[in-house]
Amino acid sequence: MTRSKTEIRAEDRLSRILTKVKERDFRLTPQRLAIIRTLVAGTDHPSVDDVYREVREQFPTTSPATVYKTIALLKELNEVLELGFPDGSNRYDGNRPYPHPHAICTKCRKIMDPEISSVDELSEEMKQKTGYTISFHRLDFFGLCPECQRKT
């Protein structure tokens, strides 16, 4: 059985994260491991509630606090990217935990990660025009996804 590049990449990311977590002396329970696996393996940018529901299926005693604390640690380790929204419905990207553009559907809230080659050039141009040292950026595009367009 051959594994896809995505599966291998997820395993490598998981291994790196677990090493970092252990270095921080953070107790790695089966529930926390399931939370990390859910974030690393997914491409759907789940909310805390989404992660909680998924992990609770396998580990019914998991608490929302465990999910919040685990995500907070992963944010601190730069292993998950938080997408904050004004309504508090934050979503998390454990698959690509670095700044990158997102396409966000304003109807169904689906989030996609398009590959846009000019983002690095845009960051450099911003630096040149403002004199800022750019340490982080967020580039989101809002609109209707193809599925929601077909429904309207």
C-alpha atoms as a PDB file:
ATOM      1  CA  MET A   1       0.000   0.000   0.000  1.00  0.00           C
ATOM      2  CA  THR A   2       1.472   3.337  -1.017  1.00  0.00           C
ATOM      3  CA  ARG A   3       0.824   6.491   0.928  1.00  0.00           C
ATOM      4  CA  SER A   4       0.141   9.880  -0.603  1.00  0.00           C
ATOM      5  CA  LYS A   5       2.462  12.871  -0.138  1.00  0.00           C
ATOM      6  CA  THR A   6      -0.241  14.480   1.987  1.00  0.00           C
ATOM      7  CA  GLU A   7      -0.332  11.499   4.362  1.00  0.00           C
ATOM      8  CA  ILE A   8       3.474  11.443   4.643  1.00  0.00           C
ATOM      9  CA  ARG A   9       3.584  15.200   5.162  1.00  0.00           C
ATOM     10  CA  ALA A  10       0.914  14.969   7.887  1.00  0.00           C
ATOM     11  CA  GLU A  11       2.896  12.223   9.630  1.00  0.00           C
ATOM     12  CA  ASP A  12       6.081  14.320   9.470  1.00  0.00           C
ATOM     13  CA  ARG A  13       4.238  17.349  10.856  1.00  0.00           C
ATOM     14  CA  LEU A  14       2.697  15.241  13.596  1.00  0.00           C
ATOM     15  CA  SER A  15       6.100  13.861  14.557  1.00  0.00           C
ATOM     16  CA  ARG A  16       7.624  17.368  14.681  1.00  0.00           C
ATOM     17  CA  ILE A  17       4.745  18.705  16.776  1.00  0.00           C
ATOM     18  CA  LEU A  18       4.910  15.803  19.232  1.00  0.00           C
ATOM     19  CA  THR A  19       8.640  16.407  19.682  1.00  0.00           C
ATOM     20  CA  LYS A  20       7.994  20.092  20.435  1.00  0.00           C
ATOM     21  CA  VAL A  21       5.160  19.250  22.827  1.00  0.00           C
ATOM     22  CA  LYS A  22       7.321  16.744  24.711  1.00  0.00           C
ATOM     23  CA  GLU A  23      10.136  19.304  24.955  1.00  0.00           C
ATOM     24  CA  ARG A  24       7.675  21.610  26.723  1.00  0.00           C
ATOM     25  CA  ASP A  25       6.816  18.844  29.247  1.00  0.00           C
ATOM     26  CA  PHE A  26       3.165  19.050  28.204  1.00  0.00           C
ATOM     27  CA  ARG A  27       1.375  15.861  29.193  1.00  0.00           C
ATOM     28  CA  LEU A  28       0.395  14.089  26.006  1.00  0.00           C
ATOM     29  CA  THR A  29      -2.860  12.279  26.736  1.00  0.00           C
ATOM     30  CA  PRO A  30      -4.746  10.268  24.103  1.00  0.00           C
ATOM     31  CA  GLN A  31      -7.298  13.119  23.948  1.00  0.00           C
ATOM     32  CA  ARG A  32      -4.621  15.740  23.253  1.00  0.00           C
ATOM     33  CA  LEU A  33      -3.034  13.497  20.650  1.00  0.00           C
ATOM     34  CA  ALA A  34      -6.437  13.163  18.957  1.00  0.00           C
ATOM     35  CA  ILE A  35      -6.834  16.964  18.974  1.00  0.00           C
ATOM     36  CA  ILE A  36      -3.416  17.411  17.372  1.00  0.00           C
ATOM     37  CA  ARG A  37      -4.139  14.691  14.792  1.00  0.00           C
ATOM     38  CA  THR A  38      -7.459  16.322  13.916  1.00  0.00           C
ATOM     39  CA  LEU A  39      -5.797  19.679  13.301  1.00  0.00           C
ATOM     40  CA  VAL A  40      -2.806  18.313  11.382  1.00  0.00           C
ATOM     41  CA  ALA A  41      -4.738  15.942   9.141  1.00  0.00           C
ATOM     42  CA  GLY A  42      -7.555  18.292   8.220  1.00  0.00           C
ATOM     43  CA  THR A  43      -7.777  20.857   5.469  1.00  0.00           C
ATOM     44  CA  ASP A  44     -11.133  22.285   6.516  1.00  0.00           C
ATOM     45  CA  HIS A  45     -10.057  24.932   9.084  1.00  0.00           C
ATOM     46  CA  PRO A  46     -12.144  23.692  12.014  1.00  0.00           C
ATOM     47  CA  SER A  47     -13.406  25.760  14.925  1.00  0.00           C
ATOM     48  CA  VAL A  48     -12.775  24.714  18.534  1.00  0.00           C
ATOM     49  CA  ASP A  49     -16.310  23.290  18.580  1.00  0.00           C
ATOM     50  CA  ASP A  50     -15.628  21.269  15.421  1.00  0.00           C
ATOM     51  CA  VAL A  51     -12.462  19.774  16.934  1.00  0.00           C
ATOM     52  CA  TYR A  52     -14.253  19.136  20.226  1.00  0.00           C
ATOM     53  CA  ARG A  53     -17.140  17.286  18.512  1.00  0.00           C
ATOM     54  CA  GLU A  54     -14.782  15.133  16.450  1.00  0.00           C
ATOM     55  CA  VAL A  55     -12.494  14.193  19.352  1.00  0.00           C
ATOM     56  CA  ARG A  56     -15.427  13.583  21.702  1.00  0.00           C
ATOM     57  CA  GLU A  57     -16.698  10.824  19.391  1.00  0.00           C
ATOM     58  CA  GLN A  58     -13.618   8.796  20.225  1.00  0.00           C
ATOM     59  CA  PHE A  59     -13.008  10.171  23.739  1.00  0.00           C
ATOM     60  CA  PRO A  60     -16.366  11.102  25.342  1.00  0.00           C
ATOM     61  CA  THR A  61     -14.732  12.505  28.501  1.00  0.00           C
ATOM     62  CA  THR A  62     -12.789  15.157  26.571  1.00  0.00           C
ATOM     63  CA  SER A  63     -13.576  18.670  27.775  1.00  0.00           C
ATOM     64  CA  PRO A  64     -13.697  21.874  25.737  1.00  0.00           C
ATOM     65  CA  ALA A  65     -10.970  23.202  28.056  1.00  0.00           C
ATOM     66  CA  THR A  66      -8.619  20.447  26.855  1.00  0.00           C
ATOM     67  CA  VAL A  67      -9.238  21.494  23.264  1.00  0.00           C
ATOM     68  CA  TYR A  68      -8.666  25.195  24.068  1.00  0.00           C
ATOM     69  CA  LYS A  69      -5.464  24.490  26.033  1.00  0.00           C
ATOM     70  CA  THR A  70      -4.068  22.214  23.338  1.00  0.00           C
ATOM     71  CA  ILE A  71      -4.789  24.735  20.593  1.00  0.00           C
ATOM     72  CA  ALA A  72      -3.253  27.521  22.706  1.00  0.00           C
ATOM     73  CA  LEU A  73      -0.072  25.468  23.082  1.00  0.00           C
ATOM     74  CA  LEU A  74       0.028  24.736  19.347  1.00  0.00           C
ATOM     75  CA  LYS A  75      -0.386  28.452  18.617  1.00  0.00           C
ATOM     76  CA  GLU A  76       2.477  29.199  21.002  1.00  0.00           C
ATOM     77  CA  LEU A  77       4.630  26.609  19.198  1.00  0.00           C
ATOM     78  CA  ASN A  78       3.659  28.134  15.808  1.00  0.00           C
ATOM     79  CA  GLU A  79       2.103  24.826  14.769  1.00  0.00           C
ATOM     80  CA  VAL A  80      -1.422  26.089  14.165  1.00  0.00           C
ATOM     81  CA  LEU A  81      -2.606  29.264  12.473  1.00  0.00           C
ATOM     82  CA  GLU A  82      -5.587  31.012  14.050  1.00  0.00           C
ATOM     83  CA  LEU A  83      -7.993  32.792  11.756  1.00  0.00           C
ATOM     84  CA  GLY A  84      -9.812  35.237  13.993  1.00  0.00           C
ATOM     85  CA  PHE A  85     -13.166  36.701  13.008  1.00  0.00           C
ATOM     86  CA  PRO A  86     -15.056  39.614  14.599  1.00  0.00           C
ATOM     87  CA  ASP A  87     -17.941  37.372  15.653  1.00  0.00           C
ATOM     88  CA  GLY A  88     -15.564  35.163  17.662  1.00  0.00           C
ATOM     89  CA  SER A  89     -15.966  32.161  15.366  1.00  0.00           C
ATOM     90  CA  ASN A  90     -12.225  31.580  15.113  1.00  0.00           C
ATOM     91  CA  ARG A  91     -11.000  28.784  12.884  1.00  0.00           C
ATOM     92  CA  TYR A  92      -7.692  26.938  12.909  1.00  0.00           C
ATOM     93  CA  ASP A  93      -5.290  25.763  10.233  1.00  0.00           C
ATOM     94  CA  GLY A  94      -3.045  22.989  11.491  1.00  0.00           C
ATOM     95  CA  ASN A  95      -2.173  21.853   8.008  1.00  0.00           C
ATOM     96  CA  ARG A  96      -0.449  25.083   6.907  1.00  0.00           C
ATOM     97  CA  PRO A  97       0.403  26.972  10.122  1.00  0.00           C
ATOM     98  CA  TYR A  98       2.068  29.920   8.433  1.00  0.00           C
ATOM     99  CA  PRO A  99       0.664  33.063   6.832  1.00  0.00           C
ATOM    100  CA  HIS A 100      -1.005  32.318   3.508  1.00  0.00           C
ATOM    101  CA  PRO A 101      -4.078  33.567   1.635  1.00  0.00           C
ATOM    102  CA  HIS A 102      -7.539  32.204   2.298  1.00  0.00           C
ATOM    103  CA  ALA A 103     -10.735  32.271   0.250  1.00  0.00           C
ATOM    104  CA  ILE A 104     -13.682  32.406   2.644  1.00  0.00           C
ATOM    105  CA  CYS A 105     -17.288  31.806   1.643  1.00  0.00           C
ATOM    106  CA  THR A 106     -19.582  34.384   3.236  1.00  0.00           C
ATOM    107  CA  LYS A 107     -22.531  32.010   3.067  1.00  0.00           C
ATOM    108  CA  CYS A 108     -21.381  28.526   4.161  1.00  0.00           C
ATOM    109  CA  ARG A 109     -18.127  29.695   5.866  1.00  0.00           C
ATOM    110  CA  LYS A 110     -15.993  27.207   3.897  1.00  0.00           C
ATOM    111  CA  ILE A 111     -12.318  28.205   3.824  1.00  0.00           C
ATOM    112  CA  MET A 112      -9.923  27.273   1.043  1.00  0.00           C
ATOM    113  CA  ASP A 113      -6.137  27.667   0.754  1.00  0.00           C
ATOM    114  CA  PRO A 114      -5.399  28.764  -2.815  1.00  0.00           C
ATOM    115  CA  GLU A 115      -1.790  28.773  -3.979  1.00  0.00           C
ATOM    116  CA  ILE A 116      -1.007  32.352  -4.961  1.00  0.00           C
ATOM    117  CA  SER A 117       2.583  32.847  -6.030  1.00  0.00           C
ATOM    118  CA  SER A 118       2.691  36.633  -5.738  1.00  0.00           C
ATOM    119  CA  VAL A 119       2.039  36.810  -1.966  1.00  0.00           C
ATOM    120  CA  ASP A 120       5.759  36.924  -1.131  1.00  0.00           C
ATOM    121  CA  GLU A 121       6.251  39.699  -3.675  1.00  0.00           C
ATOM    122  CA  LEU A 122       3.308  41.599  -2.182  1.00  0.00           C
ATOM    123  CA  SER A 123       4.869  41.344   1.281  1.00  0.00           C
ATOM    124  CA  GLU A 124       8.196  42.642  -0.064  1.00  0.00           C
ATOM    125  CA  GLU A 125       6.444  45.503  -1.877  1.00  0.00           C
ATOM    126  CA  MET A 126       4.617  46.430   1.345  1.00  0.00           C
ATOM    127  CA  LYS A 127       7.955  46.487   3.178  1.00  0.00           C
ATOM    128  CA  GLN A 128       9.536  48.712   0.540  1.00  0.00           C
ATOM    129  CA  LYS A 129       6.628  51.153   0.392  1.00  0.00           C
ATOM    130  CA  THR A 130       6.105  51.497   4.155  1.00  0.00           C
ATOM    131  CA  GLY A 131       9.522  50.859   5.666  1.00  0.00           C
ATOM    132  CA  TYR A 132       7.903  48.310   7.987  1.00  0.00           C
ATOM    133  CA  THR A 133       9.588  45.074   8.888  1.00  0.00           C
ATOM    134  CA  ILE A 134       6.831  42.654   7.986  1.00  0.00           C
ATOM    135  CA  SER A 135       6.683  39.867  10.556  1.00  0.00           C
ATOM    136  CA  PHE A 136       3.237  38.500   9.752  1.00  0.00           C
ATOM    137  CA  HIS A 137       0.446  39.053   7.278  1.00  0.00           C
ATOM    138  CA  ARG A 138      -3.088  37.949   6.726  1.00  0.00           C
ATOM    139  CA  LEU A 139      -4.685  37.988   3.318  1.00  0.00           C
ATOM    140  CA  ASP A 140      -8.308  36.869   3.111  1.00  0.00           C
ATOM    141  CA  PHE A 141     -10.672  37.025   0.168  1.00  0.00           C
ATOM    142  CA  PHE A 142     -14.397  36.904   0.901  1.00  0.00           C
ATOM    143  CA  GLY A 143     -17.119  35.831  -1.501  1.00  0.00           C
ATOM    144  CA  LEU A 144     -19.335  32.912  -2.495  1.00  0.00           C
ATOM    145  CA  CYS A 145     -17.774  29.492  -3.088  1.00  0.00           C
ATOM    146  CA  PRO A 146     -18.720  27.645  -6.314  1.00  0.00           C
ATOM    147  CA  GLU A 147     -21.163  25.394  -4.429  1.00  0.00           C
ATOM    148  CA  CYS A 148     -23.050  28.338  -2.887  1.00  0.00           C
ATOM    149  CA  GLN A 149     -23.060  30.125  -6.258  1.00  0.00           C
ATOM    150  CA  ARG A 150     -24.866  27.150  -7.795  1.00  0.00           C
ATOM    151  CA  LYS A 151     -27.467  27.245  -5.010  1.00  0.00           C
ATOM    152  CA  THR A 152     -28.373  30.907  -5.559  1.00  0.00           C
END
